[in-house]
């Protein structure tokens, strides 16, 4: 059996033309190939060349889009020509042929539209209506966003900071809550971590607004907040939350929570969000080799306990279904901004109060401190030249005689014994 020769790769401009002719956005085509929208942008602009299995898949997909476009173009032209006023066919066979062409054209248009919808991000029931950032595989969303026209630069620059923050929050928060739920297994902690990440982003909004990937910046902060080891000291998080109702979802969540935090985070980023290995390694602050080892370890642990998850694609959609079992709603953008501002004001006032208290304590200490030096009382000195006390020794002969005389002449009564000369 001979292998068919590989089809040539179209030129960069032709790649983009084929995608636009099929009415596909860059994010939709990237989700089909399994790469990010930035990678697809590089392929379409010619900065990089598709390689590997994903490159072959991309080439096949481009040629299939070209074949579909060539097949549909004559049919559409025939359908358009049928709409123009023309003399009616005179024979029955010509009338049947015209009706068949119109029916075939309408059927092909419906089939192509349905195929385009099917090739977009796969929808899952009961998802949040807010889409995920472009360039990521769909995770935990109800339906993909329709292609929106790109706004001019002056319209983007006309956005106020509040409007830009609200747009970023509405765009990323629902998916981030579901991702952090996979990391922690706690619904309230997931919502709190995402809200805290956006509060930090609002405090540093000039830095976040200039970042090349604001969604990735917020996602990294949310993951750090969710995986903080200090949560175990909080009383409200010492008791587990109710697990999912499905037995398979419970087993999958338990297996995820038993993984080390670094492996769990790598698995969610690669198999859940759909980032590439370089992006995953950069976000987890590790080398690509370390990210590969962590991902392999996580997949082996999951496959050992749940063999049906050995396929990465199956694992991806099971993660989507697990995080979408509960409706994890995020707070409104104005509420998050107001809470962040109140938190910032509280800690600013606390820092000011602590500084004032420190200054007052220092001033009181300076005011009450002695103004002159008072030498301390010296310790007692040892007196020299005093003989040590002598313990009584044996009596001499004369002392014994004196003692015997005193005992012999001892009198009773108040009279005192007077010494007599010898």
Protein backbone atom coordinates (compact mmCIF):
# COMPACT_ATOMS: atom_id res chain seq x y z
CA UNK A 1 0.00 0.00 0.00
CA UNK A 2 1.60 3.25 -1.15
CA UNK A 3 1.33 6.47 0.77
CA UNK A 4 -0.23 9.46 -0.95
CA UNK A 5 2.12 12.40 -1.46
CA UNK A 6 1.78 15.25 0.99
CA UNK A 7 -0.20 18.22 -0.29
CA UNK A 8 1.74 21.49 -0.55
CA UNK A 9 1.38 24.23 2.05
CA UNK A 10 -0.41 27.31 0.68
CA UNK A 11 1.18 30.74 0.85
CA UNK A 12 0.56 32.83 4.01
CA UNK A 13 -1.92 35.14 2.25
CA UNK A 14 -3.71 32.16 0.76
CA UNK A 15 -4.02 30.57 4.23
CA UNK A 16 -5.79 33.61 5.55
CA UNK A 17 -7.98 33.88 2.44
CA UNK A 18 -9.12 30.27 2.79
CA UNK A 19 -10.02 30.82 6.43
CA UNK A 20 -11.96 33.98 5.70
CA UNK A 21 -13.69 32.36 2.75
CA UNK A 22 -14.97 29.64 5.08
CA UNK A 23 -16.29 32.35 7.48
CA UNK A 24 -14.07 31.11 10.32
CA UNK A 25 -12.43 33.25 12.93
CA UNK A 26 -8.82 32.73 13.90
CA UNK A 27 -9.87 31.34 17.27
CA UNK A 28 -12.24 28.79 15.69
CA UNK A 29 -9.63 27.52 13.26
CA UNK A 30 -7.03 27.39 16.04
CA UNK A 31 -9.38 25.30 18.18
CA UNK A 32 -9.76 22.82 15.32
CA UNK A 33 -6.02 22.46 14.84
CA UNK A 34 -5.32 22.44 18.59
CA UNK A 35 -3.04 25.48 18.77
CA UNK A 36 -3.35 29.00 20.11
CA UNK A 37 -4.57 31.92 18.05
CA UNK A 38 -1.13 33.55 18.34
CA UNK A 39 0.45 30.49 16.74
CA UNK A 40 -2.12 30.57 13.95
CA UNK A 41 -1.47 34.29 13.47
CA UNK A 42 2.22 33.53 12.99
CA UNK A 43 1.41 30.86 10.41
CA UNK A 44 -0.86 33.23 8.47
CA UNK A 45 1.62 36.11 8.51
CA UNK A 46 4.58 33.90 7.55
CA UNK A 47 6.59 34.50 10.73
CA UNK A 48 6.59 30.77 11.47
CA UNK A 49 6.05 27.55 9.50
CA UNK A 50 3.64 24.76 10.58
CA UNK A 51 5.52 21.62 11.60
CA UNK A 52 4.73 18.28 13.16
CA UNK A 53 1.37 16.60 13.43
CA UNK A 54 -0.45 19.86 14.06
CA UNK A 55 1.17 21.35 10.97
CA UNK A 56 -0.02 18.39 8.88
CA UNK A 57 -3.49 18.74 10.35
CA UNK A 58 -3.45 22.45 9.53
CA UNK A 59 -2.45 21.78 5.89
CA UNK A 60 -5.19 19.15 5.47
CA UNK A 61 -7.74 21.49 6.98
CA UNK A 62 -6.74 24.31 4.63
CA UNK A 63 -7.09 22.05 1.58
CA UNK A 64 -10.46 20.79 2.81
CA UNK A 65 -11.62 24.38 3.21
CA UNK A 66 -10.41 25.15 -0.31
CA UNK A 67 -12.22 22.10 -1.74
CA UNK A 68 -15.44 23.08 0.05
CA UNK A 69 -15.16 26.65 -1.24
CA UNK A 70 -14.61 25.48 -4.83
CA UNK A 71 -17.51 23.06 -4.54
CA UNK A 72 -19.90 25.62 -3.10
CA UNK A 73 -18.99 28.49 -5.44
CA UNK A 74 -20.56 27.04 -8.64
CA UNK A 75 -23.64 26.00 -6.69
CA UNK A 76 -24.04 29.44 -5.18
CA UNK A 77 -23.61 31.06 -8.58
CA UNK A 78 -26.26 28.74 -9.96
CA UNK A 79 -28.57 29.59 -7.09
CA UNK A 80 -27.97 33.31 -7.62
CA UNK A 81 -28.62 32.96 -11.31
CA UNK A 82 -31.90 31.21 -10.52
CA UNK A 83 -33.02 34.29 -8.61
CA UNK A 84 -32.52 36.54 -11.67
CA UNK A 85 -35.42 36.95 -14.06
CA UNK A 86 -34.81 34.47 -16.85
CA UNK A 87 -37.09 32.83 -19.33
CA UNK A 88 -38.71 29.76 -17.80
CA UNK A 89 -37.47 26.41 -19.07
CA UNK A 90 -39.62 25.10 -21.84
CA UNK A 91 -39.19 21.39 -21.23
CA UNK A 92 -40.09 19.30 -18.20
CA UNK A 93 -36.54 17.93 -17.95
CA UNK A 94 -35.14 21.47 -17.85
CA UNK A 95 -37.59 22.41 -15.10
CA UNK A 96 -36.61 19.34 -13.05
CA UNK A 97 -32.92 20.16 -13.57
CA UNK A 98 -33.42 23.75 -12.35
CA UNK A 99 -35.33 22.60 -9.29
CA UNK A 100 -32.61 20.04 -8.52
CA UNK A 101 -29.90 22.71 -8.76
CA UNK A 102 -31.80 25.03 -6.41
CA UNK A 103 -32.42 22.21 -3.93
CA UNK A 104 -28.80 21.08 -4.06
CA UNK A 105 -27.51 24.63 -3.55
CA UNK A 106 -29.78 25.21 -0.55
CA UNK A 107 -28.81 21.84 0.94
CA UNK A 108 -25.10 22.53 0.49
CA UNK A 109 -25.40 25.96 2.09
CA UNK A 110 -27.15 24.45 5.12
CA UNK A 111 -24.60 21.64 5.30
CA UNK A 112 -21.66 24.06 5.17
CA UNK A 113 -23.21 26.30 7.82
CA UNK A 114 -23.84 23.33 10.08
CA UNK A 115 -20.29 22.07 9.48
CA UNK A 116 -18.87 25.48 10.38
CA UNK A 117 -20.89 25.52 13.54
CA UNK A 118 -19.81 21.99 14.38
CA UNK A 119 -16.15 22.75 13.78
CA UNK A 120 -16.24 25.64 16.21
CA UNK A 121 -15.81 25.16 19.94
CA UNK A 122 -17.94 22.27 21.11
CA UNK A 123 -20.78 23.41 23.31
CA UNK A 124 -21.70 21.78 26.60
CA UNK A 125 -25.01 22.26 28.31
CA UNK A 126 -25.37 24.58 31.28
CA UNK A 127 -22.25 26.62 30.68
CA UNK A 128 -21.67 30.27 31.44
CA UNK A 129 -22.42 32.59 28.53
CA UNK A 130 -19.12 34.43 28.85
CA UNK A 131 -16.47 33.13 26.42
CA UNK A 132 -12.89 32.32 27.26
CA UNK A 133 -9.92 34.36 25.96
CA UNK A 134 -8.96 33.93 22.33
CA UNK A 135 -6.28 31.35 21.67
CA UNK A 136 -7.44 28.89 24.31
CA UNK A 137 -9.43 25.77 23.86
CA UNK A 138 -12.99 26.18 25.02
CA UNK A 139 -13.30 25.28 28.66
CA UNK A 140 -16.38 25.64 30.80
CA UNK A 141 -18.36 27.92 28.49
CA UNK A 142 -21.89 27.47 27.21
CA UNK A 143 -21.43 28.63 23.64
CA UNK A 144 -18.68 30.34 21.63
CA UNK A 145 -18.83 34.05 20.99
CA UNK A 146 -19.85 35.10 17.52
CA UNK A 147 -17.23 36.77 15.40
CA UNK A 148 -17.27 40.47 16.27
CA UNK A 149 -15.84 43.17 14.04
CA UNK A 150 -12.50 44.50 15.18
CA UNK A 151 -12.78 47.94 16.65
CA UNK A 152 -10.44 50.68 15.45
CA UNK A 153 -7.61 51.84 17.61
CA UNK A 154 -9.29 55.12 18.48
CA UNK A 155 -12.34 53.25 19.79
CA UNK A 156 -10.13 51.02 21.95
CA UNK A 157 -8.22 54.03 23.23
CA UNK A 158 -11.52 55.78 24.04
CA UNK A 159 -12.37 53.16 26.68
CA UNK A 160 -12.09 54.37 30.23
CA UNK A 161 -10.17 52.23 32.76
CA UNK A 162 -13.46 51.17 34.35
CA UNK A 163 -14.88 50.03 31.02
CA UNK A 164 -11.70 48.20 30.05
CA UNK A 165 -11.56 46.42 33.40
CA UNK A 166 -15.23 45.45 33.22
CA UNK A 167 -14.72 44.05 29.72
CA UNK A 168 -11.73 41.98 30.83
CA UNK A 169 -13.59 40.71 33.88
CA UNK A 170 -16.70 39.74 31.91
CA UNK A 171 -14.48 38.04 29.35
CA UNK A 172 -12.31 35.96 31.72
CA UNK A 173 -13.93 35.63 35.16
CA UNK A 174 -16.46 32.80 34.56
CA UNK A 175 -13.87 30.52 32.94
CA UNK A 176 -11.30 31.36 35.63
CA UNK A 177 -13.74 30.41 38.40
CA UNK A 178 -14.21 26.99 36.83
CA UNK A 179 -10.48 26.51 36.34
CA UNK A 180 -9.67 27.38 39.95
CA UNK A 181 -12.42 25.00 41.05
CA UNK A 182 -10.46 22.21 39.38
CA UNK A 183 -7.36 23.30 41.31
CA UNK A 184 -8.97 23.56 44.76
CA UNK A 185 -12.17 21.52 44.71
CA UNK A 186 -13.91 24.35 46.61
CA UNK A 187 -16.49 26.61 45.04
CA UNK A 188 -16.25 29.52 47.46
CA UNK A 189 -12.46 29.47 47.39
CA UNK A 190 -12.50 29.51 43.59
CA UNK A 191 -14.77 32.57 43.48
CA UNK A 192 -12.77 34.30 46.20
CA UNK A 193 -9.44 33.64 44.45
CA UNK A 194 -10.66 35.01 41.12
CA UNK A 195 -12.17 38.05 42.79
CA UNK A 196 -8.94 38.70 44.68
CA UNK A 197 -6.90 38.35 41.47
CA UNK A 198 -9.04 40.96 39.72
CA UNK A 199 -8.81 43.25 42.74
CA UNK A 200 -5.02 43.09 42.48
CA UNK A 201 -5.31 43.68 38.74
CA UNK A 202 -7.44 46.77 39.38
CA UNK A 203 -4.87 48.11 41.85
CA UNK A 204 -2.14 47.60 39.21
CA UNK A 205 -4.28 48.44 36.22
CA UNK A 206 -1.67 50.53 34.35
CA UNK A 207 0.67 47.54 34.41
CA UNK A 208 -2.06 45.04 33.46
CA UNK A 209 -3.45 47.24 30.68
CA UNK A 210 -0.02 47.39 28.99
CA UNK A 211 0.59 43.65 29.35
CA UNK A 212 0.58 41.58 26.16
CA UNK A 213 -1.74 39.00 27.74
CA UNK A 214 -3.93 40.56 30.47
CA UNK A 215 -5.98 37.38 30.75
CA UNK A 216 -2.83 35.34 31.43
CA UNK A 217 -1.68 37.90 34.00
CA UNK A 218 -4.94 37.60 35.93
CA UNK A 219 -5.00 33.81 35.54
CA UNK A 220 -1.53 33.44 37.06
CA UNK A 221 -2.49 35.59 40.07
CA UNK A 222 -5.77 33.67 40.53
CA UNK A 223 -3.91 30.34 40.51
CA UNK A 224 -1.41 31.63 43.07
CA UNK A 225 -4.22 32.81 45.35
CA UNK A 226 -6.10 29.53 44.98
CA UNK A 227 -3.07 27.32 45.72
CA UNK A 228 -1.82 29.36 48.68
CA UNK A 229 -0.99 27.03 51.62
CA UNK A 230 -2.31 29.57 54.14
CA UNK A 231 -5.92 28.63 53.35
CA UNK A 232 -5.58 25.49 55.47
CA UNK A 233 -5.30 27.67 58.59
CA UNK A 234 -8.68 29.31 58.00
CA UNK A 235 -11.50 27.75 60.06
CA UNK A 236 -14.05 27.85 57.24
CA UNK A 237 -11.83 25.74 54.98
CA UNK A 238 -11.05 22.99 57.45
CA UNK A 239 -14.23 21.12 56.51
CA UNK A 240 -14.70 19.74 52.96
CA UNK A 241 -17.49 20.95 50.70
CA UNK A 242 -20.17 18.64 49.29
CA UNK A 243 -18.62 16.58 46.46
CA UNK A 244 -20.16 16.24 42.98
CA UNK A 245 -23.17 13.97 42.72
CA UNK A 246 -21.73 11.79 39.95
CA UNK A 247 -19.43 8.98 41.13
CA UNK A 248 -17.00 9.40 38.22
CA UNK A 249 -16.76 13.14 38.82
CA UNK A 250 -16.02 12.49 42.50
CA UNK A 251 -13.26 10.04 41.61
CA UNK A 252 -11.75 12.49 39.10
CA UNK A 253 -11.86 15.39 41.56
CA UNK A 254 -10.31 13.28 44.34
CA UNK A 255 -7.52 12.19 42.00
CA UNK A 256 -6.86 15.79 40.97
CA UNK A 257 -6.68 16.97 44.57
CA UNK A 258 -4.21 14.21 45.42
CA UNK A 259 -1.75 15.46 42.81
CA UNK A 260 0.98 17.92 43.84
CA UNK A 261 -0.09 21.53 43.24
CA UNK A 262 2.50 22.04 40.49
CA UNK A 263 1.38 18.93 38.57
CA UNK A 264 -2.27 19.84 39.06
CA UNK A 265 -1.69 23.33 37.74
CA UNK A 266 0.25 22.06 34.72
CA UNK A 267 -2.49 19.56 33.90
CA UNK A 268 -5.23 22.19 34.08
CA UNK A 269 -3.28 24.62 31.91
CA UNK A 270 -2.31 22.10 29.25
CA UNK A 271 -5.25 19.68 29.11
CA UNK A 272 -7.89 22.05 30.44
CA UNK A 273 -7.15 25.53 29.14
CA UNK A 274 -5.26 24.24 26.11
CA UNK A 275 -1.99 26.17 26.38
CA UNK A 276 1.11 24.87 24.67
CA UNK A 277 4.05 23.47 26.56
CA UNK A 278 6.16 26.66 26.31
CA UNK A 279 3.28 28.81 27.53
CA UNK A 280 2.49 26.33 30.33
CA UNK A 281 6.12 26.23 31.42
CA UNK A 282 6.35 30.03 31.39
CA UNK A 283 3.18 30.46 33.44
CA UNK A 284 4.23 27.86 36.02
CA UNK A 285 7.75 29.38 36.15
CA UNK A 286 9.42 26.13 35.15
CA UNK A 287 11.46 24.83 32.26
CA UNK A 288 9.81 23.02 29.37
CA UNK A 289 11.38 19.73 30.47
CA UNK A 290 9.98 20.17 33.99
CA UNK A 291 6.54 20.96 32.58
CA UNK A 292 6.66 17.80 30.45
CA UNK A 293 7.61 15.70 33.48
CA UNK A 294 4.84 17.21 35.59
CA UNK A 295 2.29 16.65 32.86
CA UNK A 296 3.40 13.04 32.37
CA UNK A 297 3.23 12.38 36.11
CA UNK A 298 -0.27 13.86 36.36
CA UNK A 299 -1.54 11.87 33.38
CA UNK A 300 -0.06 8.64 34.73
CA UNK A 301 -1.73 9.19 38.10
CA UNK A 302 -5.08 9.83 36.44
CA UNK A 303 -4.76 6.88 34.05
CA UNK A 304 -3.77 4.56 36.89
CA UNK A 305 -6.95 5.28 38.81
CA UNK A 306 -9.24 6.10 35.86
CA UNK A 307 -8.02 4.16 32.79
CA UNK A 308 -10.69 5.66 30.53
CA UNK A 309 -8.93 9.06 30.82
CA UNK A 310 -5.74 7.90 29.12
CA UNK A 311 -6.76 9.77 25.95
CA UNK A 312 -5.87 13.50 26.30
CA UNK A 313 -8.95 14.59 24.34
CA UNK A 314 -11.23 12.55 26.60
CA UNK A 315 -9.46 13.96 29.62
CA UNK A 316 -10.01 17.50 28.34
CA UNK A 317 -13.76 17.11 27.97
CA UNK A 318 -14.08 15.27 31.29
CA UNK A 319 -12.38 18.22 32.96
CA UNK A 320 -14.85 20.51 31.21
CA UNK A 321 -17.81 18.46 32.41
CA UNK A 322 -16.45 18.22 35.95
CA UNK A 323 -16.01 21.95 36.33
CA UNK A 324 -19.41 22.59 34.75
CA UNK A 325 -21.46 20.38 37.06
CA UNK A 326 -22.18 23.36 39.34
CA UNK A 327 -23.09 26.85 38.22
CA UNK A 328 -20.12 28.76 39.57
CA UNK A 329 -21.22 32.33 39.12
CA UNK A 330 -18.80 35.20 39.51
CA UNK A 331 -19.63 38.58 41.02
CA UNK A 332 -20.41 41.60 38.87
CA UNK A 333 -17.47 43.74 37.68
CA UNK A 334 -18.58 46.91 39.56
CA UNK A 335 -18.88 44.91 42.78
CA UNK A 336 -15.33 43.59 42.38
CA UNK A 337 -13.96 47.06 41.69
CA UNK A 338 -15.76 48.54 44.71
CA UNK A 339 -14.55 45.75 47.00
CA UNK A 340 -11.01 46.18 45.75
CA UNK A 341 -11.14 49.92 46.34
CA UNK A 342 -12.57 49.45 49.84
CA UNK A 343 -9.86 46.91 50.61
CA UNK A 344 -7.16 49.24 49.35
CA UNK A 345 -8.57 52.13 51.40
CA UNK A 346 -8.73 49.95 54.52
CA UNK A 347 -5.12 48.82 54.28
CA UNK A 348 -3.96 52.33 53.41
CA UNK A 349 -5.67 53.72 56.48
CA UNK A 350 -4.31 50.86 58.59
CA UNK A 351 -0.78 51.62 57.37
CA UNK A 352 -1.25 55.32 58.11
CA UNK A 353 -2.61 54.55 61.61
CA UNK A 354 0.31 52.23 62.34
CA UNK A 355 2.77 54.87 61.17
CA UNK A 356 1.12 57.54 63.33
CA UNK A 357 1.16 55.21 66.36
CA UNK A 358 4.83 54.44 65.79
CA UNK A 359 5.67 58.15 65.52
CA UNK A 360 3.66 58.92 68.69
CA UNK A 361 5.38 56.15 70.64
CA UNK A 362 8.77 57.41 69.52
CA UNK A 363 7.91 61.00 70.53
CA UNK A 364 6.64 59.87 73.95
CA UNK A 365 9.80 57.87 74.53
CA UNK A 366 11.99 60.83 73.61
CA UNK A 367 9.97 63.15 75.89
CA UNK A 368 10.10 60.88 78.97
CA UNK A 369 13.71 59.78 78.59
CA UNK A 370 16.26 61.25 81.15
CA UNK A 371 18.20 64.30 79.96
CA UNK A 372 21.41 63.70 81.95
CA UNK A 373 23.58 60.73 82.66
CA UNK A 374 23.14 59.07 86.04
CA UNK A 375 25.94 56.65 86.84
CA UNK A 376 24.75 53.40 88.28
CA UNK A 377 25.42 52.47 91.93
CA UNK A 378 28.62 50.44 92.04
CA UNK A 379 28.58 46.98 93.48
CA UNK A 380 29.99 46.36 97.00
CA UNK A 381 33.77 46.08 97.33
CA UNK A 382 35.57 43.33 99.28
CA UNK A 383 37.41 44.58 102.44
CA UNK A 384 40.99 43.39 102.60
CA UNK A 385 43.08 42.59 105.75
CA UNK A 386 40.36 41.17 107.99
CA UNK A 387 41.31 37.75 109.30
CA UNK A 388 38.75 35.09 108.75
CA UNK A 389 36.82 33.95 111.81
CA UNK A 390 38.52 31.07 113.60
CA UNK A 391 36.47 28.11 114.62
CA UNK A 392 36.77 27.01 118.28
CA UNK A 393 39.45 24.41 118.73
CA UNK A 394 40.43 22.18 121.68
CA UNK A 395 40.73 23.95 125.09
CA UNK A 396 44.11 24.47 126.68
CA UNK A 397 44.92 23.38 130.22
CA UNK A 398 44.37 26.85 131.71
CA UNK A 399 41.04 27.19 129.88
CA UNK A 400 39.89 23.88 131.24
CA UNK A 401 40.78 24.93 134.78
CA UNK A 402 38.88 28.21 134.39
CA UNK A 403 35.84 26.40 133.11
CA UNK A 404 35.94 23.98 136.06
CA UNK A 405 36.21 26.87 138.50
CA UNK A 406 33.26 28.66 136.96
CA UNK A 407 31.10 25.61 137.13
CA UNK A 408 32.11 24.94 140.73
CA UNK A 409 31.42 28.42 142.03
CA UNK A 410 28.21 28.89 140.11
CA UNK A 411 25.48 30.41 142.26
CA UNK A 412 21.75 30.42 141.87
CA UNK A 413 19.72 33.54 141.76
CA UNK A 414 20.19 36.93 140.20
CA UNK A 415 23.69 37.38 141.52
CA UNK A 416 26.18 37.67 138.84
CA UNK A 417 29.35 35.76 138.85
CA UNK A 418 32.29 38.19 139.11
CA UNK A 419 35.75 37.18 138.02
CA UNK A 420 38.34 36.96 140.75
CA UNK A 421 41.99 37.55 140.31
CA UNK A 422 44.10 34.49 140.55
